[in-house]
Amino acid sequence: QCETIFKAFGRALRMAAEHDERAAGTI
């Protein structure tokens, strides 16, 4: 249970923090 939470947390952080080329320079 705990390991799936931390793995999913890492994957979600990666997605959210990624640069979006279509939104470059915008908030």
mmCIF file of all heavy atoms, coordinates in Angstrom:
data_MODEL
# 
_entry.id   MODEL 
# 
loop_
_atom_site.group_PDB 
_atom_site.id 
_atom_site.type_symbol 
_atom_site.label_atom_id 
_atom_site.label_alt_id 
_atom_site.label_comp_id 
_atom_site.label_asym_id 
_atom_site.label_entity_id 
_atom_site.label_seq_id 
_atom_site.pdbx_PDB_ins_code 
_atom_site.Cartn_x 
_atom_site.Cartn_y 
_atom_site.Cartn_z 
_atom_site.occupancy 
_atom_site.B_iso_or_equiv 
_atom_site.pdbx_formal_charge 
_atom_site.auth_seq_id 
_atom_site.auth_comp_id 
_atom_site.auth_asym_id 
_atom_site.auth_atom_id 
_atom_site.pdbx_PDB_model_num 
ATOM 1   N N   . GLN A 1 1  ? 0.833  -1.207 0.000   1.00 0.00 ? 1  GLN A N   1 
ATOM 2   C CA  . GLN A 1 1  ? 0.000  0.000  0.000   1.00 0.00 ? 1  GLN A CA  1 
ATOM 3   C C   . GLN A 1 1  ? 0.867  1.255  0.000   1.00 0.00 ? 1  GLN A C   1 
ATOM 4   O O   . GLN A 1 1  ? 0.665  2.175  -0.797  1.00 0.00 ? 1  GLN A O   1 
ATOM 5   C CB  . GLN A 1 1  ? -0.918 0.005  1.225   1.00 0.00 ? 1  GLN A CB  1 
ATOM 6   C CG  . GLN A 1 1  ? -2.033 -1.031 1.198   1.00 0.00 ? 1  GLN A CG  1 
ATOM 7   C CD  . GLN A 1 1  ? -2.808 -1.025 2.511   1.00 0.00 ? 1  GLN A CD  1 
ATOM 8   O OE1 . GLN A 1 1  ? -2.326 -1.503 3.532   1.00 0.00 ? 1  GLN A OE1 1 
ATOM 9   N NE2 . GLN A 1 1  ? -4.000 -0.459 2.473   1.00 0.00 ? 1  GLN A NE2 1 
ATOM 10  N N   . CYS A 1 2  ? 1.828  1.292  0.907   1.00 0.00 ? 2  CYS A N   1 
ATOM 11  C CA  . CYS A 1 2  ? 2.670  2.471  1.062   1.00 0.00 ? 2  CYS A CA  1 
ATOM 12  C C   . CYS A 1 2  ? 3.558  2.674  -0.168  1.00 0.00 ? 2  CYS A C   1 
ATOM 13  O O   . CYS A 1 2  ? 3.712  3.799  -0.669  1.00 0.00 ? 2  CYS A O   1 
ATOM 14  C CB  . CYS A 1 2  ? 3.518  2.340  2.321   1.00 0.00 ? 2  CYS A CB  1 
ATOM 15  S SG  . CYS A 1 2  ? 4.202  3.902  2.905   1.00 0.00 ? 2  CYS A SG  1 
ATOM 16  N N   . GLU A 1 3  ? 4.112  1.602  -0.688  1.00 0.00 ? 3  GLU A N   1 
ATOM 17  C CA  . GLU A 1 3  ? 5.015  1.727  -1.826  1.00 0.00 ? 3  GLU A CA  1 
ATOM 18  C C   . GLU A 1 3  ? 4.284  2.212  -3.068  1.00 0.00 ? 3  GLU A C   1 
ATOM 19  O O   . GLU A 1 3  ? 4.827  3.014  -3.841  1.00 0.00 ? 3  GLU A O   1 
ATOM 20  C CB  . GLU A 1 3  ? 5.721  0.398  -2.099  1.00 0.00 ? 3  GLU A CB  1 
ATOM 21  C CG  . GLU A 1 3  ? 6.833  0.524  -3.118  1.00 0.00 ? 3  GLU A CG  1 
ATOM 22  C CD  . GLU A 1 3  ? 7.771  -0.669 -3.127  1.00 0.00 ? 3  GLU A CD  1 
ATOM 23  O OE1 . GLU A 1 3  ? 7.967  -1.306 -2.064  1.00 0.00 ? 3  GLU A OE1 1 
ATOM 24  O OE2 . GLU A 1 3  ? 8.317  -0.959 -4.201  1.00 0.00 ? 3  GLU A OE2 1 
ATOM 25  N N   . THR A 1 4  ? 3.054  1.761  -3.283  1.00 0.00 ? 4  THR A N   1 
ATOM 26  C CA  . THR A 1 4  ? 2.302  2.248  -4.444  1.00 0.00 ? 4  THR A CA  1 
ATOM 27  C C   . THR A 1 4  ? 2.020  3.741  -4.307  1.00 0.00 ? 4  THR A C   1 
ATOM 28  O O   . THR A 1 4  ? 2.018  4.469  -5.306  1.00 0.00 ? 4  THR A O   1 
ATOM 29  C CB  . THR A 1 4  ? 0.979  1.486  -4.646  1.00 0.00 ? 4  THR A CB  1 
ATOM 30  O OG1 . THR A 1 4  ? 0.173  1.573  -3.466  1.00 0.00 ? 4  THR A OG1 1 
ATOM 31  C CG2 . THR A 1 4  ? 1.220  0.034  -4.997  1.00 0.00 ? 4  THR A CG2 1 
ATOM 32  N N   . ILE A 1 5  ? 1.789  4.208  -3.089  1.00 0.00 ? 5  ILE A N   1 
ATOM 33  C CA  . ILE A 1 5  ? 1.556  5.641  -2.871  1.00 0.00 ? 5  ILE A CA  1 
ATOM 34  C C   . ILE A 1 5  ? 2.785  6.443  -3.264  1.00 0.00 ? 5  ILE A C   1 
ATOM 35  O O   . ILE A 1 5  ? 2.695  7.428  -3.999  1.00 0.00 ? 5  ILE A O   1 
ATOM 36  C CB  . ILE A 1 5  ? 1.163  5.905  -1.404  1.00 0.00 ? 5  ILE A CB  1 
ATOM 37  C CG1 . ILE A 1 5  ? -0.268 5.428  -1.143  1.00 0.00 ? 5  ILE A CG1 1 
ATOM 38  C CG2 . ILE A 1 5  ? 1.317  7.385  -1.055  1.00 0.00 ? 5  ILE A CG2 1 
ATOM 39  C CD1 . ILE A 1 5  ? -0.669 5.449  0.325   1.00 0.00 ? 5  ILE A CD1 1 
ATOM 40  N N   . PHE A 1 6  ? 3.953  6.031  -2.795  1.00 0.00 ? 6  PHE A N   1 
ATOM 41  C CA  . PHE A 1 6  ? 5.165  6.801  -3.076  1.00 0.00 ? 6  PHE A CA  1 
ATOM 42  C C   . PHE A 1 6  ? 5.569  6.713  -4.549  1.00 0.00 ? 6  PHE A C   1 
ATOM 43  O O   . PHE A 1 6  ? 6.044  7.698  -5.131  1.00 0.00 ? 6  PHE A O   1 
ATOM 44  C CB  . PHE A 1 6  ? 6.307  6.360  -2.163  1.00 0.00 ? 6  PHE A CB  1 
ATOM 45  C CG  . PHE A 1 6  ? 6.286  7.033  -0.817  1.00 0.00 ? 6  PHE A CG  1 
ATOM 46  C CD1 . PHE A 1 6  ? 5.525  6.526  0.220   1.00 0.00 ? 6  PHE A CD1 1 
ATOM 47  C CD2 . PHE A 1 6  ? 7.030  8.183  -0.591  1.00 0.00 ? 6  PHE A CD2 1 
ATOM 48  C CE1 . PHE A 1 6  ? 5.501  7.148  1.463   1.00 0.00 ? 6  PHE A CE1 1 
ATOM 49  C CE2 . PHE A 1 6  ? 7.016  8.817  0.639   1.00 0.00 ? 6  PHE A CE2 1 
ATOM 50  C CZ  . PHE A 1 6  ? 6.243  8.303  1.678   1.00 0.00 ? 6  PHE A CZ  1 
ATOM 51  N N   . LYS A 1 7  ? 5.382  5.559  -5.164  1.00 0.00 ? 7  LYS A N   1 
ATOM 52  C CA  . LYS A 1 7  ? 5.672  5.446  -6.588  1.00 0.00 ? 7  LYS A CA  1 
ATOM 53  C C   . LYS A 1 7  ? 4.742  6.345  -7.400  1.00 0.00 ? 7  LYS A C   1 
ATOM 54  O O   . LYS A 1 7  ? 5.184  7.055  -8.320  1.00 0.00 ? 7  LYS A O   1 
ATOM 55  C CB  . LYS A 1 7  ? 5.528  3.993  -7.045  1.00 0.00 ? 7  LYS A CB  1 
ATOM 56  C CG  . LYS A 1 7  ? 6.671  3.088  -6.617  1.00 0.00 ? 7  LYS A CG  1 
ATOM 57  C CD  . LYS A 1 7  ? 6.440  1.659  -7.082  1.00 0.00 ? 7  LYS A CD  1 
ATOM 58  C CE  . LYS A 1 7  ? 7.658  0.786  -6.775  1.00 0.00 ? 7  LYS A CE  1 
ATOM 59  N NZ  . LYS A 1 7  ? 7.437  -0.627 -7.124  1.00 0.00 ? 7  LYS A NZ  1 
ATOM 60  N N   . ALA A 1 8  ? 3.465  6.317  -7.093  1.00 0.00 ? 8  ALA A N   1 
ATOM 61  C CA  . ALA A 1 8  ? 2.505  7.149  -7.813  1.00 0.00 ? 8  ALA A CA  1 
ATOM 62  C C   . ALA A 1 8  ? 2.781  8.630  -7.566  1.00 0.00 ? 8  ALA A C   1 
ATOM 63  O O   . ALA A 1 8  ? 2.628  9.468  -8.467  1.00 0.00 ? 8  ALA A O   1 
ATOM 64  C CB  . ALA A 1 8  ? 1.077  6.791  -7.403  1.00 0.00 ? 8  ALA A CB  1 
ATOM 65  N N   . PHE A 1 9  ? 3.206  8.966  -6.357  1.00 0.00 ? 9  PHE A N   1 
ATOM 66  C CA  . PHE A 1 9  ? 3.572  10.346 -6.041  1.00 0.00 ? 9  PHE A CA  1 
ATOM 67  C C   . PHE A 1 9  ? 4.729  10.802 -6.935  1.00 0.00 ? 9  PHE A C   1 
ATOM 68  O O   . PHE A 1 9  ? 4.694  11.896 -7.513  1.00 0.00 ? 9  PHE A O   1 
ATOM 69  C CB  . PHE A 1 9  ? 3.946  10.433 -4.563  1.00 0.00 ? 9  PHE A CB  1 
ATOM 70  C CG  . PHE A 1 9  ? 4.385  11.799 -4.102  1.00 0.00 ? 9  PHE A CG  1 
ATOM 71  C CD1 . PHE A 1 9  ? 3.544  12.894 -4.208  1.00 0.00 ? 9  PHE A CD1 1 
ATOM 72  C CD2 . PHE A 1 9  ? 5.635  11.973 -3.517  1.00 0.00 ? 9  PHE A CD2 1 
ATOM 73  C CE1 . PHE A 1 9  ? 3.953  14.152 -3.768  1.00 0.00 ? 9  PHE A CE1 1 
ATOM 74  C CE2 . PHE A 1 9  ? 6.049  13.212 -3.067  1.00 0.00 ? 9  PHE A CE2 1 
ATOM 75  C CZ  . PHE A 1 9  ? 5.204  14.311 -3.197  1.00 0.00 ? 9  PHE A CZ  1 
ATOM 76  N N   . GLY A 1 10 ? 5.747  9.978  -7.071  1.00 0.00 ? 10 GLY A N   1 
ATOM 77  C CA  . GLY A 1 10 ? 6.865  10.316 -7.943  1.00 0.00 ? 10 GLY A CA  1 
ATOM 78  C C   . GLY A 1 10 ? 6.426  10.522 -9.379  1.00 0.00 ? 10 GLY A C   1 
ATOM 79  O O   . GLY A 1 10 ? 6.822  11.493 -10.034 1.00 0.00 ? 10 GLY A O   1 
ATOM 80  N N   . ARG A 1 11 ? 5.598  9.625  -9.883  1.00 0.00 ? 11 ARG A N   1 
ATOM 81  C CA  . ARG A 1 11 ? 5.126  9.738  -11.263 1.00 0.00 ? 11 ARG A CA  1 
ATOM 82  C C   . ARG A 1 11 ? 4.265  10.989 -11.462 1.00 0.00 ? 11 ARG A C   1 
ATOM 83  O O   . ARG A 1 11 ? 4.369  11.667 -12.491 1.00 0.00 ? 11 ARG A O   1 
ATOM 84  C CB  . ARG A 1 11 ? 4.313  8.501  -11.638 1.00 0.00 ? 11 ARG A CB  1 
ATOM 85  C CG  . ARG A 1 11 ? 5.084  7.200  -11.648 1.00 0.00 ? 11 ARG A CG  1 
ATOM 86  C CD  . ARG A 1 11 ? 6.030  7.080  -12.811 1.00 0.00 ? 11 ARG A CD  1 
ATOM 87  N NE  . ARG A 1 11 ? 5.359  7.089  -14.106 1.00 0.00 ? 11 ARG A NE  1 
ATOM 88  C CZ  . ARG A 1 11 ? 5.954  6.803  -15.255 1.00 0.00 ? 11 ARG A CZ  1 
ATOM 89  N NH1 . ARG A 1 11 ? 7.230  6.475  -15.275 1.00 0.00 ? 11 ARG A NH1 1 
ATOM 90  N NH2 . ARG A 1 11 ? 5.292  6.847  -16.385 1.00 0.00 ? 11 ARG A NH2 1 
ATOM 91  N N   . ALA A 1 12 ? 3.408  11.292 -10.493 1.00 0.00 ? 12 ALA A N   1 
ATOM 92  C CA  . ALA A 1 12 ? 2.555  12.473 -10.600 1.00 0.00 ? 12 ALA A CA  1 
ATOM 93  C C   . ALA A 1 12 ? 3.384  13.754 -10.559 1.00 0.00 ? 12 ALA A C   1 
ATOM 94  O O   . ALA A 1 12 ? 3.110  14.704 -11.305 1.00 0.00 ? 12 ALA A O   1 
ATOM 95  C CB  . ALA A 1 12 ? 1.508  12.459 -9.486  1.00 0.00 ? 12 ALA A CB  1 
ATOM 96  N N   . LEU A 1 13 ? 4.392  13.800 -9.677  1.00 0.00 ? 13 LEU A N   1 
ATOM 97  C CA  . LEU A 1 13 ? 5.279  14.963 -9.629  1.00 0.00 ? 13 LEU A CA  1 
ATOM 98  C C   . LEU A 1 13 ? 5.978  15.165 -10.967 1.00 0.00 ? 13 LEU A C   1 
ATOM 99  O O   . LEU A 1 13 ? 6.099  16.292 -11.463 1.00 0.00 ? 13 LEU A O   1 
ATOM 100 C CB  . LEU A 1 13 ? 6.326  14.786 -8.536  1.00 0.00 ? 13 LEU A CB  1 
ATOM 101 C CG  . LEU A 1 13 ? 5.892  14.960 -7.086  1.00 0.00 ? 13 LEU A CG  1 
ATOM 102 C CD1 . LEU A 1 13 ? 7.067  14.678 -6.157  1.00 0.00 ? 13 LEU A CD1 1 
ATOM 103 C CD2 . LEU A 1 13 ? 5.341  16.367 -6.831  1.00 0.00 ? 13 LEU A CD2 1 
ATOM 104 N N   . ARG A 1 14 ? 6.466  14.061 -11.529 1.00 0.00 ? 14 ARG A N   1 
ATOM 105 C CA  . ARG A 1 14 ? 7.164  14.141 -12.815 1.00 0.00 ? 14 ARG A CA  1 
ATOM 106 C C   . ARG A 1 14 ? 6.265  14.746 -13.887 1.00 0.00 ? 14 ARG A C   1 
ATOM 107 O O   . ARG A 1 14 ? 6.684  15.644 -14.635 1.00 0.00 ? 14 ARG A O   1 
ATOM 108 C CB  . ARG A 1 14 ? 7.618  12.743 -13.221 1.00 0.00 ? 14 ARG A CB  1 
ATOM 109 C CG  . ARG A 1 14 ? 8.245  12.648 -14.601 1.00 0.00 ? 14 ARG A CG  1 
ATOM 110 C CD  . ARG A 1 14 ? 8.638  11.204 -14.878 1.00 0.00 ? 14 ARG A CD  1 
ATOM 111 N NE  . ARG A 1 14 ? 8.977  11.000 -16.271 1.00 0.00 ? 14 ARG A NE  1 
ATOM 112 C CZ  . ARG A 1 14 ? 9.249  9.815  -16.803 1.00 0.00 ? 14 ARG A CZ  1 
ATOM 113 N NH1 . ARG A 1 14 ? 9.238  8.735  -16.053 1.00 0.00 ? 14 ARG A NH1 1 
ATOM 114 N NH2 . ARG A 1 14 ? 9.542  9.709  -18.080 1.00 0.00 ? 14 ARG A NH2 1 
ATOM 115 N N   . MET A 1 15 ? 5.026  14.292 -13.964 1.00 0.00 ? 15 MET A N   1 
ATOM 116 C CA  . MET A 1 15 ? 4.103  14.811 -14.968 1.00 0.00 ? 15 MET A CA  1 
ATOM 117 C C   . MET A 1 15 ? 3.815  16.290 -14.745 1.00 0.00 ? 15 MET A C   1 
ATOM 118 O O   . MET A 1 15 ? 3.862  17.099 -15.686 1.00 0.00 ? 15 MET A O   1 
ATOM 119 C CB  . MET A 1 15 ? 2.789  14.018 -14.945 1.00 0.00 ? 15 MET A CB  1 
ATOM 120 C CG  . MET A 1 15 ? 1.762  14.514 -15.946 1.00 0.00 ? 15 MET A CG  1 
ATOM 121 S SD  . MET A 1 15 ? 0.150  13.713 -15.762 1.00 0.00 ? 15 MET A SD  1 
ATOM 122 C CE  . MET A 1 15 ? 0.525  12.053 -16.303 1.00 0.00 ? 15 MET A CE  1 
ATOM 123 N N   . ALA A 1 16 ? 3.531  16.673 -13.507 1.00 0.00 ? 16 ALA A N   1 
ATOM 124 C CA  . ALA A 1 16 ? 3.142  18.049 -13.214 1.00 0.00 ? 16 ALA A CA  1 
ATOM 125 C C   . ALA A 1 16 ? 4.281  19.037 -13.426 1.00 0.00 ? 16 ALA A C   1 
ATOM 126 O O   . ALA A 1 16 ? 4.064  20.183 -13.835 1.00 0.00 ? 16 ALA A O   1 
ATOM 127 C CB  . ALA A 1 16 ? 2.628  18.145 -11.784 1.00 0.00 ? 16 ALA A CB  1 
ATOM 128 N N   . ALA A 1 17 ? 5.510  18.603 -13.135 1.00 0.00 ? 17 ALA A N   1 
ATOM 129 C CA  . ALA A 1 17 ? 6.663  19.500 -13.224 1.00 0.00 ? 17 ALA A CA  1 
ATOM 130 C C   . ALA A 1 17 ? 7.250  19.570 -14.622 1.00 0.00 ? 17 ALA A C   1 
ATOM 131 O O   . ALA A 1 17 ? 8.094  20.431 -14.901 1.00 0.00 ? 17 ALA A O   1 
ATOM 132 C CB  . ALA A 1 17 ? 7.736  19.054 -12.236 1.00 0.00 ? 17 ALA A CB  1 
ATOM 133 N N   . GLU A 1 18 ? 6.814  18.691 -15.521 1.00 0.00 ? 18 GLU A N   1 
ATOM 134 C CA  . GLU A 1 18 ? 7.365  18.658 -16.875 1.00 0.00 ? 18 GLU A CA  1 
ATOM 135 C C   . GLU A 1 18 ? 7.074  19.951 -17.628 1.00 0.00 ? 18 GLU A C   1 
ATOM 136 O O   . GLU A 1 18 ? 6.034  20.591 -17.432 1.00 0.00 ? 18 GLU A O   1 
ATOM 137 C CB  . GLU A 1 18 ? 6.767  17.488 -17.672 1.00 0.00 ? 18 GLU A CB  1 
ATOM 138 C CG  . GLU A 1 18 ? 7.442  16.169 -17.414 1.00 0.00 ? 18 GLU A CG  1 
ATOM 139 C CD  . GLU A 1 18 ? 6.833  15.051 -18.239 1.00 0.00 ? 18 GLU A CD  1 
ATOM 140 O OE1 . GLU A 1 18 ? 5.705  15.206 -18.752 1.00 0.00 ? 18 GLU A OE1 1 
ATOM 141 O OE2 . GLU A 1 18 ? 7.493  14.004 -18.357 1.00 0.00 ? 18 GLU A OE2 1 
ATOM 142 N N   . HIS A 1 19 ? 7.994  20.316 -18.501 1.00 0.00 ? 19 HIS A N   1 
ATOM 143 C CA  . HIS A 1 19 ? 7.780  21.456 -19.385 1.00 0.00 ? 19 HIS A CA  1 
ATOM 144 C C   . HIS A 1 19 ? 6.769  21.076 -20.462 1.00 0.00 ? 19 HIS A C   1 
ATOM 145 O O   . HIS A 1 19 ? 6.839  19.998 -21.047 1.00 0.00 ? 19 HIS A O   1 
ATOM 146 C CB  . HIS A 1 19 ? 9.089  21.885 -20.040 1.00 0.00 ? 19 HIS A CB  1 
ATOM 147 C CG  . HIS A 1 19 ? 10.074 22.466 -19.083 1.00 0.00 ? 19 HIS A CG  1 
ATOM 148 N ND1 . HIS A 1 19 ? 9.976  23.750 -18.602 1.00 0.00 ? 19 HIS A ND1 1 
ATOM 149 C CD2 . HIS A 1 19 ? 11.171 21.938 -18.495 1.00 0.00 ? 19 HIS A CD2 1 
ATOM 150 C CE1 . HIS A 1 19 ? 10.979 23.989 -17.777 1.00 0.00 ? 19 HIS A CE1 1 
ATOM 151 N NE2 . HIS A 1 19 ? 11.713 22.901 -17.685 1.00 0.00 ? 19 HIS A NE2 1 
ATOM 152 N N   . ASP A 1 20 ? 5.826  21.958 -20.707 1.00 0.00 ? 20 ASP A N   1 
ATOM 153 C CA  . ASP A 1 20 ? 4.828  21.790 -21.757 1.00 0.00 ? 20 ASP A CA  1 
ATOM 154 C C   . ASP A 1 20 ? 5.213  22.717 -22.913 1.00 0.00 ? 20 ASP A C   1 
ATOM 155 O O   . ASP A 1 20 ? 5.096  23.943 -22.796 1.00 0.00 ? 20 ASP A O   1 
ATOM 156 C CB  . ASP A 1 20 ? 3.437  22.134 -21.219 1.00 0.00 ? 20 ASP A CB  1 
ATOM 157 C CG  . ASP A 1 20 ? 2.323  21.893 -22.219 1.00 0.00 ? 20 ASP A CG  1 
ATOM 158 O OD1 . ASP A 1 20 ? 2.621  21.707 -23.413 1.00 0.00 ? 20 ASP A OD1 1 
ATOM 159 O OD2 . ASP A 1 20 ? 1.152  21.896 -21.801 1.00 0.00 ? 20 ASP A OD2 1 
ATOM 160 N N   . GLU A 1 21 ? 5.692  22.141 -24.010 1.00 0.00 ? 21 GLU A N   1 
ATOM 161 C CA  . GLU A 1 21 ? 6.189  22.954 -25.122 1.00 0.00 ? 21 GLU A CA  1 
ATOM 162 C C   . GLU A 1 21 ? 5.116  23.883 -25.677 1.00 0.00 ? 21 GLU A C   1 
ATOM 163 O O   . GLU A 1 21 ? 5.417  24.990 -26.145 1.00 0.00 ? 21 GLU A O   1 
ATOM 164 C CB  . GLU A 1 21 ? 6.726  22.050 -26.227 1.00 0.00 ? 21 GLU A CB  1 
ATOM 165 C CG  . GLU A 1 21 ? 7.986  21.292 -25.835 1.00 0.00 ? 21 GLU A CG  1 
ATOM 166 C CD  . GLU A 1 21 ? 8.504  20.420 -26.953 1.00 0.00 ? 21 GLU A CD  1 
ATOM 167 O OE1 . GLU A 1 21 ? 7.895  20.440 -28.053 1.00 0.00 ? 21 GLU A OE1 1 
ATOM 168 O OE2 . GLU A 1 21 ? 9.520  19.720 -26.735 1.00 0.00 ? 21 GLU A OE2 1 
ATOM 169 N N   . ARG A 1 22 ? 3.864  23.486 -25.607 1.00 0.00 ? 22 ARG A N   1 
ATOM 170 C CA  . ARG A 1 22 ? 2.780  24.322 -26.149 1.00 0.00 ? 22 ARG A CA  1 
ATOM 171 C C   . ARG A 1 22 ? 2.485  25.507 -25.243 1.00 0.00 ? 22 ARG A C   1 
ATOM 172 O O   . ARG A 1 22 ? 1.813  26.454 -25.659 1.00 0.00 ? 22 ARG A O   1 
ATOM 173 C CB  . ARG A 1 22 ? 1.522  23.486 -26.339 1.00 0.00 ? 22 ARG A CB  1 
ATOM 174 C CG  . ARG A 1 22 ? 1.670  22.404 -27.399 1.00 0.00 ? 22 ARG A CG  1 
ATOM 175 C CD  . ARG A 1 22 ? 0.399  21.597 -27.519 1.00 0.00 ? 22 ARG A CD  1 
ATOM 176 N NE  . ARG A 1 22 ? -0.729 22.422 -27.943 1.00 0.00 ? 22 ARG A NE  1 
ATOM 177 C CZ  . ARG A 1 22 ? -2.004 22.045 -27.830 1.00 0.00 ? 22 ARG A CZ  1 
ATOM 178 N NH1 . ARG A 1 22 ? -2.307 20.863 -27.308 1.00 0.00 ? 22 ARG A NH1 1 
ATOM 179 N NH2 . ARG A 1 22 ? -2.969 22.841 -28.228 1.00 0.00 ? 22 ARG A NH2 1 
ATOM 180 N N   . ALA A 1 23 ? 2.959  25.423 -23.982 1.00 0.00 ? 23 ALA A N   1 
ATOM 181 C CA  . ALA A 1 23 ? 2.680  26.500 -23.018 1.00 0.00 ? 23 ALA A CA  1 
ATOM 182 C C   . ALA A 1 23 ? 3.963  27.194 -22.575 1.00 0.00 ? 23 ALA A C   1 
ATOM 183 O O   . ALA A 1 23 ? 4.012  27.775 -21.498 1.00 0.00 ? 23 ALA A O   1 
ATOM 184 C CB  . ALA A 1 23 ? 1.948  25.926 -21.805 1.00 0.00 ? 23 ALA A CB  1 
ATOM 185 N N   . ALA A 1 24 ? 4.983  27.147 -23.408 1.00 0.00 ? 24 ALA A N   1 
ATOM 186 C CA  . ALA A 1 24 ? 6.292  27.686 -23.040 1.00 0.00 ? 24 ALA A CA  1 
ATOM 187 C C   . ALA A 1 24 ? 6.191  29.147 -22.634 1.00 0.00 ? 24 ALA A C   1 
ATOM 188 O O   . ALA A 1 24 ? 5.603  29.968 -23.344 1.00 0.00 ? 24 ALA A O   1 
ATOM 189 C CB  . ALA A 1 24 ? 7.257  27.528 -24.207 1.00 0.00 ? 24 ALA A CB  1 
ATOM 190 N N   . GLY A 1 25 ? 6.756  29.462 -21.475 1.00 0.00 ? 25 GLY A N   1 
ATOM 191 C CA  . GLY A 1 25 ? 6.828  30.851 -21.016 1.00 0.00 ? 25 GLY A CA  1 
ATOM 192 C C   . GLY A 1 25 ? 5.573  31.389 -20.403 1.00 0.00 ? 25 GLY A C   1 
ATOM 193 O O   . GLY A 1 25 ? 5.520  32.567 -20.027 1.00 0.00 ? 25 GLY A O   1 
ATOM 194 N N   . THR A 1 26 ? 4.519  30.560 -20.322 1.00 0.00 ? 26 THR A N   1 
ATOM 195 C CA  . THR A 1 26 ? 3.270  31.058 -19.748 1.00 0.00 ? 26 THR A CA  1 
ATOM 196 C C   . THR A 1 26 ? 2.976  30.386 -18.414 1.00 0.00 ? 26 THR A C   1 
ATOM 197 O O   . THR A 1 26 ? 3.383  29.251 -18.161 1.00 0.00 ? 26 THR A O   1 
ATOM 198 C CB  . THR A 1 26 ? 2.077  30.803 -20.711 1.00 0.00 ? 26 THR A CB  1 
ATOM 199 O OG1 . THR A 1 26 ? 1.908  29.379 -20.865 1.00 0.00 ? 26 THR A OG1 1 
ATOM 200 C CG2 . THR A 1 26 ? 2.332  31.432 -22.065 1.00 0.00 ? 26 THR A CG2 1 
ATOM 201 N N   . ILE A 1 27 ? 2.250  31.088 -17.562 1.00 0.00 ? 27 ILE A N   1 
ATOM 202 C CA  . ILE A 1 27 ? 1.800  30.555 -16.284 1.00 0.00 ? 27 ILE A CA  1 
ATOM 203 C C   . ILE A 1 27 ? 0.512  29.779 -16.524 1.00 0.00 ? 27 ILE A C   1 
ATOM 204 O O   . ILE A 1 27 ? -0.443 30.331 -17.073 1.00 0.00 ? 27 ILE A O   1 
ATOM 205 C CB  . ILE A 1 27 ? 1.548  31.677 -15.250 1.00 0.00 ? 27 ILE A CB  1 
ATOM 206 C CG1 . ILE A 1 27 ? 2.827  32.484 -15.011 1.00 0.00 ? 27 ILE A CG1 1 
ATOM 207 C CG2 . ILE A 1 27 ? 0.990  31.114 -13.959 1.00 0.00 ? 27 ILE A CG2 1 
ATOM 208 C CD1 . ILE A 1 27 ? 3.874  31.768 -14.217 1.00 0.00 ? 27 ILE A CD1 1 
# 
